[in-house]
Amino acid sequence: MSFNHFDHEGSAIMVDISAKLPTLRTAVAEAVVSLKPETLSAILEGRVTKGDVLGVARLAGIAAAKKTPELIPLSHPLAIHHAAIDFRSDPATGIIRVRSTVRALERTGMEMEAMVSASVAALTIYDMCKGTEKGITIGPIRLLFKEGGKSGTYEAKTSGEGTL
C-alpha cells in the first residue's frame, strides 16, 4: 500500500486508507505562547477584559480538532473520540505551553488534529490578549507524541524544557 498524496500524473489526491484496519491512535501536540509575565498574571488572575482566556482557548482548541479536514485539504474526516487541551504556565517567564491530546479508533493518525488544535488554542490566547499586549509570539508548534497504526510510537526528544 502506497501512501502518497499524488497520483500517477502528479495531481494532489487524498490517500486511500480504506484497506487499513482501525487501531486506537493518540497524538499529543504543543504550541508555546510567549507573553509578558504581567500579561500571563492577568490571564491567570482573570483580569483580561475579554474574559476567561484559557477557558475560551480550550473550547477553541477542541472545536479546531474536529474542523481539521476543513482546514487541511488532504486530511481525512475522522471520528474523534477524545480531544483535550491543557495549559502549563510559567509566571516568571510568561510562557504558556498549550498541549492538545486527540484520540480515536481510526485508520489514520491524529497528528494533524492535535497540531491544529494546539495552534488554534494558542491563536485564541493571542486574540483575547492582543488588546493588552501586541508582542505575543507563538511557537514552536510541534508533535510531542503519537501512537497507533503501522508506524508505531513516536516521542519527541526533550530539549531541556521537559516536554512530557
N, C-alpha and C. Protein backbone atom coordinates (compact mmCIF):
# COMPACT_ATOMS: atom_id res chain seq x y z
N MET A 1 0.85 -1.16 0.00
CA MET A 1 0.00 0.00 0.00
C MET A 1 0.90 1.24 0.00
N SER A 2 0.70 2.11 -0.94
CA SER A 2 1.49 3.33 -1.05
C SER A 2 0.72 4.49 -0.43
N PHE A 3 1.42 5.28 0.38
CA PHE A 3 0.80 6.44 0.98
C PHE A 3 1.42 7.68 0.38
N ASN A 4 0.89 8.07 -0.76
CA ASN A 4 1.42 9.20 -1.49
C ASN A 4 0.26 10.14 -1.79
N HIS A 5 0.50 11.41 -1.61
CA HIS A 5 -0.56 12.39 -1.85
C HIS A 5 -0.59 12.88 -3.30
N PHE A 6 0.00 12.09 -4.21
CA PHE A 6 -0.02 12.44 -5.62
C PHE A 6 -0.38 11.21 -6.44
N ASP A 7 -1.17 11.42 -7.50
CA ASP A 7 -1.49 10.30 -8.39
C ASP A 7 -0.38 10.14 -9.43
N HIS A 8 -0.58 9.22 -10.37
CA HIS A 8 0.46 8.93 -11.38
C HIS A 8 0.72 10.10 -12.32
N GLU A 9 -0.16 11.09 -12.33
CA GLU A 9 0.04 12.28 -13.16
C GLU A 9 0.58 13.47 -12.36
N GLY A 10 0.80 13.25 -11.06
CA GLY A 10 1.34 14.32 -10.23
C GLY A 10 0.30 15.23 -9.60
N SER A 11 -0.98 14.87 -9.74
CA SER A 11 -2.04 15.67 -9.12
C SER A 11 -2.21 15.29 -7.66
N ALA A 12 -2.51 16.27 -6.83
CA ALA A 12 -2.74 16.01 -5.41
C ALA A 12 -4.02 15.20 -5.22
N ILE A 13 -3.94 14.19 -4.35
CA ILE A 13 -5.09 13.34 -4.05
C ILE A 13 -5.13 13.05 -2.55
N MET A 14 -6.31 12.66 -2.08
CA MET A 14 -6.42 12.16 -0.72
C MET A 14 -6.00 10.70 -0.75
N VAL A 15 -5.13 10.29 0.16
CA VAL A 15 -4.66 8.91 0.22
C VAL A 15 -5.84 8.00 0.54
N ASP A 16 -5.90 6.86 -0.15
CA ASP A 16 -6.95 5.87 0.08
C ASP A 16 -6.55 5.01 1.28
N ILE A 17 -7.25 5.17 2.39
CA ILE A 17 -6.94 4.39 3.59
C ILE A 17 -8.00 3.32 3.86
N SER A 18 -8.85 3.06 2.88
CA SER A 18 -9.97 2.15 3.09
C SER A 18 -9.54 0.72 3.41
N ALA A 19 -8.38 0.30 2.97
CA ALA A 19 -7.93 -1.07 3.22
C ALA A 19 -7.24 -1.21 4.59
N LYS A 20 -6.97 -0.12 5.25
CA LYS A 20 -6.31 -0.18 6.56
C LYS A 20 -7.33 -0.52 7.64
N LEU A 21 -6.86 -1.23 8.65
CA LEU A 21 -7.72 -1.56 9.78
C LEU A 21 -7.65 -0.44 10.82
N PRO A 22 -8.78 -0.13 11.44
CA PRO A 22 -8.77 0.87 12.51
C PRO A 22 -7.97 0.38 13.71
N THR A 23 -7.19 1.25 14.29
CA THR A 23 -6.49 0.99 15.54
C THR A 23 -6.66 2.21 16.43
N LEU A 24 -6.46 2.02 17.73
CA LEU A 24 -6.54 3.15 18.64
C LEU A 24 -5.32 4.04 18.41
N ARG A 25 -5.57 5.29 18.12
CA ARG A 25 -4.50 6.22 17.80
C ARG A 25 -4.60 7.45 18.69
N THR A 26 -3.45 7.91 19.13
CA THR A 26 -3.37 9.08 20.00
C THR A 26 -2.28 9.99 19.50
N ALA A 27 -2.50 11.28 19.57
CA ALA A 27 -1.45 12.25 19.26
C ALA A 27 -1.51 13.37 20.29
N VAL A 28 -0.32 13.86 20.65
CA VAL A 28 -0.19 14.98 21.57
C VAL A 28 0.69 16.02 20.90
N ALA A 29 0.20 17.25 20.84
CA ALA A 29 0.96 18.35 20.23
C ALA A 29 1.02 19.51 21.20
N GLU A 30 1.99 20.38 20.96
CA GLU A 30 2.18 21.53 21.83
C GLU A 30 2.43 22.78 21.01
N ALA A 31 1.88 23.88 21.50
CA ALA A 31 2.17 25.21 20.97
C ALA A 31 2.60 26.07 22.14
N VAL A 32 3.70 26.79 21.96
CA VAL A 32 4.23 27.63 23.03
C VAL A 32 3.84 29.08 22.78
N VAL A 33 3.22 29.70 23.78
CA VAL A 33 2.82 31.10 23.70
C VAL A 33 3.70 31.89 24.66
N SER A 34 4.37 32.93 24.13
CA SER A 34 5.25 33.76 24.96
C SER A 34 4.62 35.14 25.12
N LEU A 35 4.41 35.53 26.37
CA LEU A 35 3.82 36.82 26.70
C LEU A 35 4.68 37.49 27.78
N LYS A 36 4.36 38.73 28.06
CA LYS A 36 5.00 39.38 29.20
C LYS A 36 4.47 38.71 30.47
N PRO A 37 5.31 38.56 31.49
CA PRO A 37 4.83 37.95 32.73
C PRO A 37 3.59 38.64 33.30
N GLU A 38 3.49 39.95 33.13
CA GLU A 38 2.31 40.66 33.67
C GLU A 38 1.04 40.30 32.87
N THR A 39 1.18 40.01 31.58
CA THR A 39 0.03 39.57 30.79
C THR A 39 -0.41 38.19 31.25
N LEU A 40 0.56 37.31 31.46
CA LEU A 40 0.23 35.98 31.96
C LEU A 40 -0.44 36.07 33.33
N SER A 41 0.04 36.94 34.19
CA SER A 41 -0.60 37.13 35.51
C SER A 41 -2.05 37.56 35.35
N ALA A 42 -2.30 38.47 34.42
CA ALA A 42 -3.67 38.92 34.18
C ALA A 42 -4.55 37.76 33.72
N ILE A 43 -4.01 36.91 32.87
CA ILE A 43 -4.76 35.73 32.41
C ILE A 43 -5.09 34.83 33.59
N LEU A 44 -4.08 34.49 34.38
CA LEU A 44 -4.25 33.54 35.47
C LEU A 44 -5.14 34.09 36.58
N GLU A 45 -5.17 35.42 36.74
CA GLU A 45 -5.99 36.05 37.78
C GLU A 45 -7.37 36.48 37.26
N GLY A 46 -7.66 36.21 35.98
CA GLY A 46 -8.96 36.54 35.41
C GLY A 46 -9.19 38.03 35.22
N ARG A 47 -8.10 38.77 34.95
CA ARG A 47 -8.21 40.22 34.79
C ARG A 47 -8.17 40.68 33.34
N VAL A 48 -8.24 39.78 32.37
CA VAL A 48 -8.25 40.17 30.96
C VAL A 48 -9.67 40.62 30.61
N THR A 49 -9.78 41.78 29.99
CA THR A 49 -11.11 42.36 29.75
C THR A 49 -12.02 41.50 28.88
N LYS A 50 -11.45 40.68 28.02
CA LYS A 50 -12.28 39.84 27.14
C LYS A 50 -12.82 38.61 27.85
N GLY A 51 -12.37 38.34 29.07
CA GLY A 51 -12.94 37.22 29.82
C GLY A 51 -11.96 36.10 30.10
N ASP A 52 -12.51 34.88 30.22
CA ASP A 52 -11.76 33.68 30.59
C ASP A 52 -10.92 33.19 29.42
N VAL A 53 -9.70 33.68 29.34
CA VAL A 53 -8.82 33.40 28.19
C VAL A 53 -8.59 31.90 28.02
N LEU A 54 -8.19 31.22 29.06
CA LEU A 54 -7.86 29.80 28.92
C LEU A 54 -9.11 28.95 28.69
N GLY A 55 -10.24 29.32 29.28
CA GLY A 55 -11.48 28.59 29.04
C GLY A 55 -11.92 28.68 27.59
N VAL A 56 -11.85 29.88 27.03
CA VAL A 56 -12.23 30.06 25.63
C VAL A 56 -11.22 29.37 24.71
N ALA A 57 -9.93 29.48 25.04
CA ALA A 57 -8.90 28.82 24.22
C ALA A 57 -9.07 27.30 24.24
N ARG A 58 -9.46 26.75 25.39
CA ARG A 58 -9.69 25.30 25.48
C ARG A 58 -10.82 24.89 24.53
N LEU A 59 -11.93 25.63 24.57
CA LEU A 59 -13.05 25.30 23.68
C LEU A 59 -12.67 25.47 22.21
N ALA A 60 -11.92 26.52 21.90
CA ALA A 60 -11.49 26.74 20.51
C ALA A 60 -10.60 25.60 20.03
N GLY A 61 -9.70 25.14 20.88
CA GLY A 61 -8.81 24.03 20.50
C GLY A 61 -9.56 22.73 20.27
N ILE A 62 -10.53 22.44 21.12
CA ILE A 62 -11.32 21.22 20.94
C ILE A 62 -12.13 21.30 19.65
N ALA A 63 -12.75 22.44 19.41
CA ALA A 63 -13.51 22.62 18.16
C ALA A 63 -12.60 22.51 16.95
N ALA A 64 -11.40 23.05 17.04
CA ALA A 64 -10.46 23.01 15.91
C ALA A 64 -10.06 21.59 15.55
N ALA A 65 -9.89 20.73 16.55
CA ALA A 65 -9.54 19.34 16.25
C ALA A 65 -10.59 18.72 15.34
N LYS A 66 -11.86 19.03 15.61
CA LYS A 66 -12.96 18.47 14.83
C LYS A 66 -13.08 19.10 13.44
N LYS A 67 -12.50 20.28 13.26
CA LYS A 67 -12.58 21.00 11.98
C LYS A 67 -11.35 20.79 11.09
N THR A 68 -10.40 20.00 11.52
CA THR A 68 -9.14 19.85 10.78
C THR A 68 -9.34 19.52 9.30
N PRO A 69 -10.22 18.60 8.92
CA PRO A 69 -10.37 18.30 7.49
C PRO A 69 -10.87 19.49 6.66
N GLU A 70 -11.51 20.46 7.31
CA GLU A 70 -11.95 21.65 6.60
C GLU A 70 -10.80 22.63 6.36
N LEU A 71 -9.73 22.49 7.13
CA LEU A 71 -8.60 23.41 7.06
C LEU A 71 -7.39 22.85 6.33
N ILE A 72 -7.16 21.55 6.46
CA ILE A 72 -6.02 20.88 5.82
C ILE A 72 -6.60 20.07 4.66
N PRO A 73 -6.34 20.49 3.43
CA PRO A 73 -7.07 19.96 2.27
C PRO A 73 -7.07 18.44 2.10
N LEU A 74 -6.00 17.74 2.40
CA LEU A 74 -5.96 16.31 2.13
C LEU A 74 -6.11 15.44 3.37
N SER A 75 -6.47 16.06 4.50
CA SER A 75 -6.67 15.24 5.70
C SER A 75 -8.05 14.59 5.65
N HIS A 76 -8.15 13.45 6.31
CA HIS A 76 -9.39 12.67 6.30
C HIS A 76 -10.33 13.12 7.41
N PRO A 77 -11.63 13.11 7.16
CA PRO A 77 -12.57 13.37 8.25
C PRO A 77 -12.54 12.16 9.20
N LEU A 78 -12.32 12.41 10.48
CA LEU A 78 -12.16 11.34 11.44
C LEU A 78 -13.19 11.46 12.56
N ALA A 79 -13.56 10.33 13.10
CA ALA A 79 -14.48 10.29 14.23
C ALA A 79 -13.65 10.39 15.52
N ILE A 80 -13.41 11.59 15.95
CA ILE A 80 -12.59 11.81 17.14
C ILE A 80 -13.37 11.39 18.38
N HIS A 81 -12.72 10.58 19.22
CA HIS A 81 -13.36 10.09 20.44
C HIS A 81 -12.97 10.90 21.67
N HIS A 82 -11.84 11.59 21.60
CA HIS A 82 -11.37 12.37 22.74
C HIS A 82 -10.52 13.52 22.23
N ALA A 83 -10.79 14.70 22.74
CA ALA A 83 -9.95 15.87 22.45
C ALA A 83 -9.87 16.68 23.74
N ALA A 84 -8.66 17.00 24.14
CA ALA A 84 -8.47 17.77 25.38
C ALA A 84 -7.35 18.77 25.19
N ILE A 85 -7.49 19.89 25.86
CA ILE A 85 -6.47 20.94 25.87
C ILE A 85 -6.10 21.20 27.32
N ASP A 86 -4.79 21.22 27.59
CA ASP A 86 -4.38 21.67 28.92
C ASP A 86 -3.28 22.70 28.77
N PHE A 87 -3.08 23.45 29.81
CA PHE A 87 -2.14 24.57 29.80
C PHE A 87 -1.15 24.41 30.94
N ARG A 88 0.11 24.65 30.62
CA ARG A 88 1.17 24.68 31.64
C ARG A 88 1.82 26.05 31.53
N SER A 89 1.74 26.81 32.60
CA SER A 89 2.26 28.17 32.53
C SER A 89 3.42 28.36 33.48
N ASP A 90 4.30 29.28 33.11
CA ASP A 90 5.43 29.67 33.93
C ASP A 90 5.35 31.18 34.14
N PRO A 91 4.79 31.60 35.28
CA PRO A 91 4.60 33.03 35.52
C PRO A 91 5.89 33.86 35.46
N ALA A 92 7.01 33.26 35.80
CA ALA A 92 8.28 34.01 35.80
C ALA A 92 8.73 34.38 34.39
N THR A 93 8.46 33.50 33.41
CA THR A 93 8.91 33.75 32.04
C THR A 93 7.80 34.25 31.12
N GLY A 94 6.54 34.09 31.54
CA GLY A 94 5.42 34.48 30.68
C GLY A 94 5.12 33.44 29.61
N ILE A 95 5.52 32.20 29.83
CA ILE A 95 5.30 31.13 28.85
C ILE A 95 4.06 30.32 29.21
N ILE A 96 3.22 30.08 28.20
CA ILE A 96 2.12 29.13 28.33
C ILE A 96 2.38 28.03 27.31
N ARG A 97 2.42 26.80 27.78
CA ARG A 97 2.52 25.64 26.89
C ARG A 97 1.11 25.09 26.72
N VAL A 98 0.62 25.17 25.50
CA VAL A 98 -0.71 24.65 25.16
C VAL A 98 -0.51 23.23 24.68
N ARG A 99 -1.13 22.29 25.35
CA ARG A 99 -0.97 20.89 24.97
C ARG A 99 -2.32 20.32 24.55
N SER A 100 -2.35 19.72 23.37
CA SER A 100 -3.56 19.10 22.83
C SER A 100 -3.36 17.59 22.75
N THR A 101 -4.36 16.86 23.23
CA THR A 101 -4.36 15.40 23.11
C THR A 101 -5.62 15.00 22.35
N VAL A 102 -5.43 14.21 21.29
CA VAL A 102 -6.56 13.77 20.47
C VAL A 102 -6.45 12.25 20.32
N ARG A 103 -7.60 11.56 20.43
CA ARG A 103 -7.61 10.10 20.36
C ARG A 103 -8.82 9.62 19.57
N ALA A 104 -8.62 8.53 18.82
CA ALA A 104 -9.72 7.91 18.07
C ALA A 104 -9.34 6.50 17.65
N LEU A 105 -10.34 5.71 17.40
CA LEU A 105 -10.17 4.39 16.80
C LEU A 105 -10.36 4.62 15.30
N GLU A 106 -9.25 4.71 14.57
CA GLU A 106 -9.31 5.13 13.17
C GLU A 106 -8.28 4.41 12.31
N ARG A 107 -8.32 4.71 11.01
CA ARG A 107 -7.41 4.13 10.03
C ARG A 107 -6.19 5.00 9.75
N THR A 108 -6.19 6.20 10.28
CA THR A 108 -5.07 7.11 10.07
C THR A 108 -4.85 7.92 11.34
N GLY A 109 -3.69 8.53 11.43
CA GLY A 109 -3.26 9.18 12.67
C GLY A 109 -3.97 10.47 13.01
N MET A 110 -3.76 10.89 14.23
CA MET A 110 -4.39 12.08 14.79
C MET A 110 -3.42 13.27 14.86
N GLU A 111 -2.25 13.15 14.23
CA GLU A 111 -1.23 14.19 14.36
C GLU A 111 -1.72 15.57 13.93
N MET A 112 -2.36 15.64 12.78
CA MET A 112 -2.81 16.95 12.28
C MET A 112 -3.90 17.52 13.17
N GLU A 113 -4.79 16.68 13.67
CA GLU A 113 -5.85 17.16 14.55
C GLU A 113 -5.24 17.75 15.83
N ALA A 114 -4.24 17.09 16.39
CA ALA A 114 -3.60 17.59 17.60
C ALA A 114 -2.85 18.90 17.33
N MET A 115 -2.17 18.98 16.19
CA MET A 115 -1.40 20.19 15.90
C MET A 115 -2.30 21.37 15.57
N VAL A 116 -3.37 21.14 14.82
CA VAL A 116 -4.33 22.21 14.53
C VAL A 116 -4.99 22.68 15.83
N SER A 117 -5.34 21.73 16.67
CA SER A 117 -5.98 22.04 17.94
C SER A 117 -5.09 22.92 18.82
N ALA A 118 -3.84 22.54 18.99
CA ALA A 118 -2.91 23.33 19.81
C ALA A 118 -2.69 24.71 19.19
N SER A 119 -2.59 24.77 17.87
CA SER A 119 -2.37 26.05 17.18
C SER A 119 -3.53 27.01 17.37
N VAL A 120 -4.75 26.52 17.20
CA VAL A 120 -5.92 27.38 17.32
C VAL A 120 -6.12 27.82 18.78
N ALA A 121 -5.85 26.95 19.72
CA ALA A 121 -5.93 27.36 21.13
C ALA A 121 -4.92 28.48 21.41
N ALA A 122 -3.70 28.35 20.87
CA ALA A 122 -2.68 29.39 21.05
C ALA A 122 -3.10 30.69 20.37
N LEU A 123 -3.65 30.60 19.18
CA LEU A 123 -4.12 31.80 18.47
C LEU A 123 -5.26 32.48 19.22
N THR A 124 -6.08 31.70 19.89
CA THR A 124 -7.18 32.25 20.68
C THR A 124 -6.64 33.03 21.87
N ILE A 125 -5.59 32.51 22.50
CA ILE A 125 -4.94 33.26 23.59
C ILE A 125 -4.46 34.60 23.05
N TYR A 126 -3.81 34.58 21.88
CA TYR A 126 -3.35 35.83 21.27
C TYR A 126 -4.52 36.78 21.04
N ASP A 127 -5.58 36.27 20.43
CA ASP A 127 -6.73 37.11 20.11
C ASP A 127 -7.33 37.76 21.35
N MET A 128 -7.44 37.01 22.41
CA MET A 128 -8.06 37.55 23.61
C MET A 128 -7.15 38.50 24.38
N CYS A 129 -5.85 38.46 24.10
CA CYS A 129 -4.90 39.30 24.84
C CYS A 129 -4.26 40.39 23.99
N LYS A 130 -4.58 40.45 22.71
CA LYS A 130 -3.90 41.42 21.83
C LYS A 130 -4.17 42.87 22.22
N GLY A 131 -5.26 43.14 22.89
CA GLY A 131 -5.53 44.49 23.37
C GLY A 131 -4.64 44.89 24.53
N THR A 132 -4.13 43.90 25.23
CA THR A 132 -3.25 44.12 26.37
C THR A 132 -1.79 44.15 25.93
N GLU A 133 -1.44 43.27 24.99
CA GLU A 133 -0.05 43.13 24.55
C GLU A 133 0.00 42.77 23.08
N LYS A 134 0.73 43.54 22.31
CA LYS A 134 0.84 43.27 20.87
C LYS A 134 2.00 42.33 20.53
N GLY A 135 2.99 42.19 21.42
CA GLY A 135 4.20 41.43 21.10
C GLY A 135 4.16 39.96 21.45
N ILE A 136 2.97 39.41 21.62
CA ILE A 136 2.84 37.99 21.94
C ILE A 136 3.36 37.17 20.77
N THR A 137 4.13 36.12 21.06
CA THR A 137 4.59 35.23 20.00
C THR A 137 4.09 33.81 20.24
N ILE A 138 3.97 33.07 19.15
CA ILE A 138 3.53 31.69 19.20
C ILE A 138 4.56 30.84 18.48
N GLY A 139 5.02 29.80 19.14
CA GLY A 139 5.95 28.87 18.52
C GLY A 139 7.05 28.49 19.49
N PRO A 140 7.59 27.34 19.32
CA PRO A 140 7.27 26.40 18.26
C PRO A 140 5.95 25.67 18.49
N ILE A 141 5.47 25.10 17.41
CA ILE A 141 4.33 24.20 17.44
C ILE A 141 4.89 22.87 16.96
N ARG A 142 4.66 21.82 17.75
CA ARG A 142 5.26 20.54 17.37
C ARG A 142 4.50 19.35 17.92
N LEU A 143 4.72 18.23 17.26
CA LEU A 143 4.19 16.96 17.71
C LEU A 143 5.08 16.46 18.84
N LEU A 144 4.47 16.11 19.98
CA LEU A 144 5.22 15.57 21.11
C LEU A 144 5.18 14.06 21.16
N PHE A 145 4.04 13.49 20.74
CA PHE A 145 3.84 12.06 20.92
C PHE A 145 2.77 11.57 19.97
N LYS A 146 2.94 10.36 19.46
CA LYS A 146 1.87 9.69 18.72
C LYS A 146 2.04 8.21 18.88
N GLU A 147 0.91 7.52 18.92
CA GLU A 147 0.95 6.07 18.97
C GLU A 147 -0.23 5.51 18.20
N GLY A 148 -0.06 4.26 17.76
CA GLY A 148 -1.10 3.58 17.00
C GLY A 148 -0.74 3.53 15.54
N GLY A 149 -1.27 2.54 14.87
CA GLY A 149 -1.00 2.40 13.44
C GLY A 149 0.30 1.68 13.15
N LYS A 150 0.55 1.51 11.88
CA LYS A 150 1.69 0.72 11.41
C LYS A 150 3.04 1.33 11.81
N SER A 151 3.13 2.65 11.83
CA SER A 151 4.42 3.27 12.13
C SER A 151 4.76 3.25 13.62
N GLY A 152 3.82 2.86 14.47
CA GLY A 152 4.12 2.70 15.89
C GLY A 152 4.14 4.00 16.67
N THR A 153 5.00 4.02 17.67
CA THR A 153 5.05 5.13 18.61
C THR A 153 6.17 6.10 18.26
N TYR A 154 5.87 7.37 18.41
CA TYR A 154 6.88 8.44 18.26
C TYR A 154 6.82 9.29 19.50
N GLU A 155 7.97 9.65 20.04
CA GLU A 155 8.04 10.57 21.16
C GLU A 155 9.15 11.57 20.88
N ALA A 156 8.80 12.85 20.93
CA ALA A 156 9.79 13.90 20.66
C ALA A 156 10.88 13.86 21.72
N LYS A 157 12.06 14.17 21.30
CA LYS A 157 13.18 14.28 22.23
C LYS A 157 13.00 15.51 23.09
N THR A 158 13.32 15.40 24.34
CA THR A 158 13.25 16.53 25.25
C THR A 158 14.39 17.48 24.92
N SER A 159 14.06 18.76 24.84
CA SER A 159 15.10 19.75 24.54
C SER A 159 15.38 20.63 25.76
N GLY A 160 15.28 20.04 26.94
CA GLY A 160 15.62 20.77 28.14
C GLY A 160 14.45 21.38 28.87
N GLU A 161 13.29 21.50 28.21
CA GLU A 161 12.17 22.14 28.88
C GLU A 161 11.18 21.14 29.46
N GLY A 162 11.51 19.87 29.41
CA GLY A 162 10.62 18.88 29.99
C GLY A 162 9.33 18.73 29.19
N THR A 163 9.43 18.28 27.96
CA THR A 163 8.28 18.25 27.07
C THR A 163 7.16 17.34 27.57
N LEU A 164 7.49 16.16 28.05
CA LEU A 164 6.44 15.26 28.53
C LEU A 164 6.58 15.13 29.99
